[in-house]
Amino acid sequence: MYKWGHNRRFNSYSNYFRKEFGERIQKLSIDAGFTCPNRDGTKGRGGCTFCNNKAFNPSYCLPSKPVTQQINEGIEFHKVRYKKTSRYIAYFQAYSNTYAPLEQLKKIYNEAILHPEVVGVVVGTRPDCIDDEILDYFEDLSKKLYLIIEYGIESCYNKTLERINRGHTFEQSVKAIEQTAARGIKTGAHMIIGLPGESREMIMKQAEILSSLPLNNIKFHQLQLMKGTAMLDEFKNNPDDFYFYDVDEYIDLMVDFLERLNPGFVVERIAGEAPPRFNLTPKIWGLRNDQIINRLEKRLEQRETWQGRLLE
């Protein structure tokens, strides 16, 4: 029995939600039609070199549809697989979901929280797309329902962030996380493991760096090459700059990472999935997320270790 109140060797998302809500809760992805400052010319054009939002948006998730319609269609979509789920989290996932005037944000988010089956909201955004006025609004909203702001950090290294055209620094990520957490708003982070130019030692160092931040949740995706991205072109021109882990290598890497990660962080994901028509990664695993989690748990057990074991 570990400190999270169950027998799992890491602070799992599914157990966290069962503890929070007393039942299984399903996320519903929503595309509310936002863009990003490094797409619209404010900071740059073309977006992040790895980004193709179509690769992870479900078929029902289209910005041309009202938020309520996307929620209703998402519920029907997920009922096929999760028949017993009756409550949902609205996940504003595509692009930067705070990148709009406050009144527009209120209209979009208020529509979601008025849905009778929605019990919470996840706001995916960039650390440079937040300000005091927006945080005031989300602070008030967080007192009424489950709410978390998930920041795309991607890397703790500014050299990497510049290379992948993020358009912000790691220092900006730290500032946004600290400002959000200081208001009592649940705060999450998204990281990409294996970005070009980052050694294994650099990846491990990030566990220590992240562990000092006031985060509630954290999500990891392995590096993947998506169709139609600048990173795919970069790989074709300079393949030796990239290293792609096979699934067993990656699981061992993430066990090492978890050993050094703050045990208070809820781990939402260890790896990401993408439809085969988009995923042009040389090493495609062909596994669903739950299969990867099962392998991770077996490896943690084999090595008799757990999240935070080596954290000083």
Protein backbone atom coordinates (compact mmCIF):
# COMPACT_ATOMS: atom_id res chain seq x y z
CA MET A 1 0.00 0.00 0.00
CA TYR A 2 1.59 3.25 -1.15
CA LYS A 3 0.96 6.79 0.07
CA TRP A 4 -1.79 7.39 -2.52
CA GLY A 5 -4.09 4.90 -0.82
CA HIS A 6 -3.84 2.05 -3.31
CA ASN A 7 -1.39 -0.60 -4.49
CA ARG A 8 -0.18 1.17 -7.62
CA ARG A 9 3.43 2.25 -7.66
CA PHE A 10 2.74 5.68 -9.12
CA ASN A 11 0.18 8.40 -8.44
CA SER A 12 -2.27 7.40 -11.16
CA TYR A 13 -4.87 9.63 -12.78
CA SER A 14 -7.66 7.06 -12.69
CA ASN A 15 -7.30 6.50 -8.95
CA TYR A 16 -7.07 10.24 -8.36
CA PHE A 17 -10.38 10.83 -10.13
CA ARG A 18 -12.11 7.98 -8.33
CA LYS A 19 -10.98 9.51 -5.05
CA GLU A 20 -12.05 12.99 -6.18
CA PHE A 21 -15.47 12.03 -7.59
CA GLY A 22 -16.20 8.56 -6.26
CA GLU A 23 -16.52 7.11 -9.78
CA ARG A 24 -14.90 6.96 -13.20
CA ILE A 25 -14.89 10.31 -15.02
CA GLN A 26 -14.27 10.67 -18.76
CA LYS A 27 -12.65 13.61 -20.52
CA LEU A 28 -14.35 15.08 -23.59
CA SER A 29 -12.05 16.93 -25.98
CA ILE A 30 -13.37 20.25 -27.25
CA ASP A 31 -12.03 22.45 -30.03
CA ALA A 32 -13.37 25.94 -29.34
CA GLY A 33 -11.63 27.53 -32.32
CA PHE A 34 -8.68 29.15 -30.55
CA THR A 35 -5.32 29.77 -32.18
CA CYS A 36 -1.80 30.50 -30.83
CA PRO A 37 0.45 33.56 -30.75
CA ASN A 38 3.11 31.70 -32.72
CA ARG A 39 0.59 30.89 -35.43
CA ASP A 40 -1.24 34.17 -35.94
CA GLY A 41 1.92 36.26 -36.31
CA THR A 42 1.95 37.80 -32.84
CA LYS A 43 5.12 35.85 -32.03
CA GLY A 44 5.59 33.76 -35.12
CA ARG A 45 4.07 31.71 -37.90
CA GLY A 46 3.67 28.00 -38.41
CA GLY A 47 3.29 27.02 -34.76
CA CYS A 48 5.41 24.53 -32.85
CA THR A 49 7.43 22.28 -35.12
CA PHE A 50 5.84 19.11 -33.66
CA CYS A 51 2.22 20.27 -33.76
CA ASN A 52 -0.63 18.90 -35.84
CA ASN A 53 -3.81 19.22 -33.77
CA LYS A 54 -5.74 17.01 -36.19
CA ALA A 55 -3.64 14.09 -34.96
CA PHE A 56 -5.31 14.04 -31.54
CA ASN A 57 -8.74 15.61 -32.08
CA PRO A 58 -11.58 13.04 -32.09
CA SER A 59 -13.89 13.00 -35.11
CA TYR A 60 -16.69 14.84 -33.29
CA CYS A 61 -14.34 17.62 -32.21
CA LEU A 62 -14.66 20.46 -34.75
CA PRO A 63 -14.47 24.22 -34.07
CA SER A 64 -17.40 24.78 -36.44
CA LYS A 65 -19.67 23.07 -33.90
CA PRO A 66 -20.95 24.83 -30.76
CA VAL A 67 -19.41 23.70 -27.48
CA THR A 68 -22.67 22.07 -26.33
CA GLN A 69 -22.90 20.05 -29.55
CA GLN A 70 -19.32 18.83 -29.17
CA ILE A 71 -20.06 17.77 -25.58
CA ASN A 72 -23.21 15.89 -26.60
CA GLU A 73 -21.48 14.14 -29.49
CA GLY A 74 -18.49 13.39 -27.28
CA ILE A 75 -20.73 11.72 -24.71
CA GLU A 76 -22.24 9.50 -27.43
CA PHE A 77 -18.75 8.79 -28.80
CA HIS A 78 -17.39 7.62 -25.44
CA LYS A 79 -20.48 5.68 -24.36
CA VAL A 80 -19.53 2.99 -26.84
CA ARG A 81 -16.40 2.19 -24.82
CA TYR A 82 -17.30 3.49 -21.36
CA LYS A 83 -20.92 2.50 -20.85
CA LYS A 84 -21.03 3.16 -17.10
CA THR A 85 -19.63 6.70 -17.25
CA SER A 86 -22.23 9.36 -16.45
CA ARG A 87 -20.15 12.44 -15.66
CA TYR A 88 -17.59 14.20 -17.78
CA ILE A 89 -14.74 16.70 -17.82
CA ALA A 90 -14.74 19.22 -20.67
CA TYR A 91 -11.18 19.23 -22.00
CA PHE A 92 -10.35 22.33 -24.02
CA GLN A 93 -7.37 20.81 -25.76
CA ALA A 94 -6.69 22.30 -29.19
CA TYR A 95 -4.24 25.20 -29.41
CA SER A 96 -4.19 27.89 -26.65
CA ASN A 97 -7.48 28.02 -24.79
CA THR A 98 -6.91 31.29 -22.95
CA TYR A 99 -5.84 33.19 -26.06
CA ALA A 100 -8.89 35.43 -26.47
CA PRO A 101 -10.56 38.44 -24.79
CA LEU A 102 -11.99 37.66 -21.37
CA GLU A 103 -15.63 38.10 -22.43
CA GLN A 104 -15.16 35.53 -25.18
CA LEU A 105 -13.55 33.12 -22.71
CA LYS A 106 -16.46 33.53 -20.31
CA LYS A 107 -18.98 32.75 -23.04
CA ILE A 108 -17.14 29.60 -24.10
CA TYR A 109 -16.47 28.20 -20.63
CA ASN A 110 -19.85 29.12 -19.19
CA GLU A 111 -21.51 27.17 -21.99
CA ALA A 112 -19.50 24.08 -21.04
CA ILE A 113 -20.14 24.23 -17.29
CA LEU A 114 -23.89 24.68 -17.80
CA HIS A 115 -24.09 21.22 -19.38
CA PRO A 116 -25.76 18.93 -16.80
CA GLU A 117 -23.27 16.07 -17.25
CA VAL A 118 -20.12 18.22 -17.05
CA VAL A 119 -18.49 18.31 -13.60
CA GLY A 120 -15.21 19.96 -14.47
CA VAL A 121 -13.04 21.72 -17.00
CA VAL A 122 -9.45 21.25 -18.18
CA VAL A 123 -7.94 24.30 -19.88
CA GLY A 124 -4.96 23.55 -22.11
CA THR A 125 -2.89 26.64 -22.87
CA ARG A 126 0.54 28.24 -23.15
CA PRO A 127 2.33 29.99 -20.28
CA ASP A 128 2.47 33.23 -22.27
CA CYS A 129 -1.31 33.30 -22.80
CA ILE A 130 -2.34 34.07 -19.25
CA ASP A 131 -2.72 37.28 -17.25
CA ASP A 132 -4.17 38.48 -13.95
CA GLU A 133 -7.59 39.22 -15.41
CA ILE A 134 -7.93 35.73 -16.87
CA LEU A 135 -6.61 34.15 -13.67
CA ASP A 136 -9.18 36.13 -11.66
CA TYR A 137 -11.93 34.53 -13.73
CA PHE A 138 -10.56 31.00 -13.43
CA GLU A 139 -9.93 31.42 -9.71
CA ASP A 140 -13.62 32.23 -9.23
CA LEU A 141 -14.66 29.35 -11.49
CA SER A 142 -12.40 26.89 -9.65
CA LYS A 143 -14.39 27.49 -6.46
CA LYS A 144 -17.53 26.17 -8.16
CA LEU A 145 -16.30 23.03 -9.92
CA TYR A 146 -13.24 20.95 -10.70
CA LEU A 147 -10.88 23.06 -12.84
CA ILE A 148 -7.27 22.69 -13.85
CA ILE A 149 -5.12 24.81 -16.14
CA GLU A 150 -2.67 22.64 -18.07
CA TYR A 151 0.38 24.43 -19.41
CA GLY A 152 2.40 23.19 -22.35
CA ILE A 153 5.95 23.30 -20.97
CA GLU A 154 7.32 20.61 -23.34
CA SER A 155 10.93 21.13 -22.17
CA CYS A 156 12.85 22.77 -19.32
CA TYR A 157 15.57 23.89 -21.72
CA ASN A 158 15.35 27.19 -23.60
CA LYS A 159 17.60 25.91 -26.37
CA THR A 160 15.09 23.14 -27.07
CA LEU A 161 12.12 25.50 -26.83
CA GLU A 162 13.73 27.77 -29.40
CA ARG A 163 14.47 24.84 -31.69
CA ILE A 164 10.86 23.62 -31.65
CA ASN A 165 9.52 27.18 -32.14
CA ARG A 166 7.59 27.41 -28.89
CA GLY A 167 7.95 31.19 -28.72
CA HIS A 168 8.27 31.25 -24.91
CA THR A 169 10.93 30.43 -22.35
CA PHE A 170 10.99 27.96 -19.49
CA GLU A 171 11.14 30.92 -17.10
CA GLN A 172 7.76 32.02 -18.45
CA SER A 173 6.41 28.54 -17.74
CA VAL A 174 7.63 28.70 -14.15
CA LYS A 175 6.08 32.14 -13.66
CA ALA A 176 2.69 31.07 -15.06
CA ILE A 177 2.63 27.90 -12.95
CA GLU A 178 3.52 29.78 -9.77
CA GLN A 179 0.96 32.54 -10.41
CA THR A 180 -1.77 29.97 -11.10
CA ALA A 181 -1.01 27.76 -8.11
CA ALA A 182 -0.80 30.80 -5.80
CA ARG A 183 -4.49 31.43 -6.50
CA GLY A 184 -5.47 27.93 -5.45
CA ILE A 185 -6.14 26.83 -9.03
CA LYS A 186 -5.11 23.27 -9.84
CA THR A 187 -2.14 23.44 -12.17
CA GLY A 188 -0.88 20.88 -14.68
CA ALA A 189 1.99 20.52 -17.13
CA HIS A 190 2.56 18.78 -20.44
CA MET A 191 6.03 17.47 -21.35
CA ILE A 192 7.47 15.83 -24.46
CA ILE A 193 10.11 13.19 -23.75
CA GLY A 194 12.89 12.72 -26.28
CA LEU A 195 12.94 16.05 -28.09
CA PRO A 196 15.89 16.46 -30.49
CA GLY A 197 19.09 17.60 -28.82
CA GLU A 198 18.12 16.32 -25.36
CA SER A 199 20.29 13.55 -23.95
CA ARG A 200 19.14 10.95 -21.46
CA GLU A 201 20.92 12.89 -18.71
CA MET A 202 19.07 16.07 -19.71
CA ILE A 203 15.76 14.23 -19.60
CA MET A 204 16.49 12.89 -16.11
CA LYS A 205 17.48 16.35 -14.89
CA GLN A 206 14.02 17.60 -15.83
CA ALA A 207 12.43 15.32 -13.22
CA GLU A 208 14.34 17.21 -10.53
CA ILE A 209 13.51 20.61 -12.04
CA LEU A 210 9.79 19.85 -12.39
CA SER A 211 9.53 18.34 -8.90
CA SER A 212 10.23 21.73 -7.35
CA LEU A 213 7.25 23.37 -9.09
CA PRO A 214 3.76 23.70 -7.50
CA LEU A 215 2.09 21.28 -9.89
CA ASN A 216 -0.91 19.06 -9.25
CA ASN A 217 -0.86 16.97 -12.43
CA ILE A 218 1.69 16.14 -15.10
CA LYS A 219 1.40 14.51 -18.51
CA PHE A 220 4.12 12.96 -20.67
CA HIS A 221 4.15 12.18 -24.38
CA GLN A 222 6.97 10.45 -26.19
CA LEU A 223 8.36 12.27 -29.23
CA GLN A 224 6.32 11.42 -32.31
CA LEU A 225 6.57 12.68 -35.88
CA MET A 226 3.24 13.88 -37.20
CA LYS A 227 2.27 14.26 -40.82
CA GLY A 228 2.33 17.86 -42.04
CA THR A 229 4.72 19.23 -39.40
CA ALA A 230 7.95 21.18 -39.68
CA MET A 231 9.61 18.61 -37.41
CA LEU A 232 8.95 15.88 -39.97
CA ASP A 233 10.80 17.95 -42.58
CA GLU A 234 13.62 18.56 -40.08
CA PHE A 235 13.90 14.81 -39.48
CA LYS A 236 14.07 14.07 -43.19
CA ASN A 237 16.90 16.59 -43.58
CA ASN A 238 18.80 15.70 -40.38
CA PRO A 239 17.77 12.22 -39.19
CA ASP A 240 20.89 11.85 -37.01
CA ASP A 241 19.60 14.65 -34.74
CA PHE A 242 16.71 12.42 -33.62
CA TYR A 243 16.45 9.37 -31.43
CA PHE A 244 13.21 7.41 -31.08
CA TYR A 245 12.79 4.99 -28.19
CA ASP A 246 11.23 1.60 -28.69
CA VAL A 247 8.52 0.83 -26.18
CA ASP A 248 10.63 -1.19 -23.72
CA GLU A 249 13.42 1.41 -23.75
CA TYR A 250 10.90 4.15 -23.14
CA ILE A 251 9.25 2.35 -20.25
CA ASP A 252 12.62 1.86 -18.56
CA LEU A 253 13.38 5.54 -19.15
CA MET A 254 10.08 6.56 -17.58
CA VAL A 255 10.62 4.27 -14.59
CA ASP A 256 13.93 6.05 -14.01
CA PHE A 257 12.14 9.39 -14.43
CA LEU A 258 9.29 8.50 -12.06
CA GLU A 259 11.75 7.47 -9.37
CA ARG A 260 12.99 11.06 -9.38
CA LEU A 261 9.58 12.74 -9.70
CA ASN A 262 7.64 14.41 -6.90
CA PRO A 263 5.27 11.70 -5.55
CA GLY A 264 2.59 14.34 -5.02
CA PHE A 265 2.18 14.85 -8.77
CA VAL A 266 -0.72 13.00 -10.34
CA VAL A 267 0.58 11.31 -13.50
CA GLU A 268 -2.07 11.68 -16.18
CA ARG A 269 -0.22 10.05 -19.06
CA ILE A 270 3.06 8.29 -19.63
CA ALA A 271 2.81 8.27 -23.43
CA GLY A 272 0.61 9.51 -26.26
CA GLU A 273 -1.36 7.88 -29.03
CA ALA A 274 -1.93 9.16 -32.55
CA PRO A 275 -3.89 7.69 -35.50
CA PRO A 276 -1.64 5.73 -37.91
CA ARG A 277 -2.60 8.03 -40.79
CA PHE A 278 -0.84 10.89 -38.96
CA ASN A 279 1.95 9.08 -37.11
CA LEU A 280 5.11 8.84 -39.21
CA THR A 281 7.45 8.00 -36.32
CA PRO A 282 10.06 5.40 -37.37
CA LYS A 283 9.27 3.28 -34.29
CA ILE A 284 5.48 3.02 -33.96
CA TRP A 285 4.52 0.98 -30.90
CA GLY A 286 1.02 -0.07 -31.90
CA LEU A 287 -0.15 -0.08 -28.28
CA ARG A 288 -3.04 1.66 -26.56
CA ASN A 289 -2.35 3.82 -23.53
CA ASP A 290 -3.77 1.26 -21.09
CA GLN A 291 -1.40 -1.39 -22.50
CA ILE A 292 1.57 0.94 -21.97
CA ILE A 293 0.44 1.63 -18.39
CA ASN A 294 0.22 -2.12 -17.74
CA ARG A 295 3.78 -2.59 -18.96
CA LEU A 296 4.96 0.34 -16.85
CA GLU A 297 3.38 -1.09 -13.71
CA LYS A 298 4.94 -4.50 -14.32
CA ARG A 299 8.35 -2.88 -14.80
CA LEU A 300 7.97 -0.85 -11.60
CA GLU A 301 7.13 -4.06 -9.76
CA GLN A 302 10.03 -5.99 -11.32
CA ARG A 303 12.43 -3.26 -10.25
CA GLU A 304 10.77 -2.94 -6.82
CA THR A 305 10.53 0.82 -7.17
CA TRP A 306 7.93 3.60 -7.20
CA GLN A 307 7.31 7.27 -7.98
CA GLY A 308 9.54 9.53 -5.92
CA ARG A 309 11.75 6.76 -4.49
CA LEU A 310 14.98 8.58 -5.40
CA LEU A 311 13.78 12.13 -4.90
CA GLU A 312 16.02 13.89 -2.40
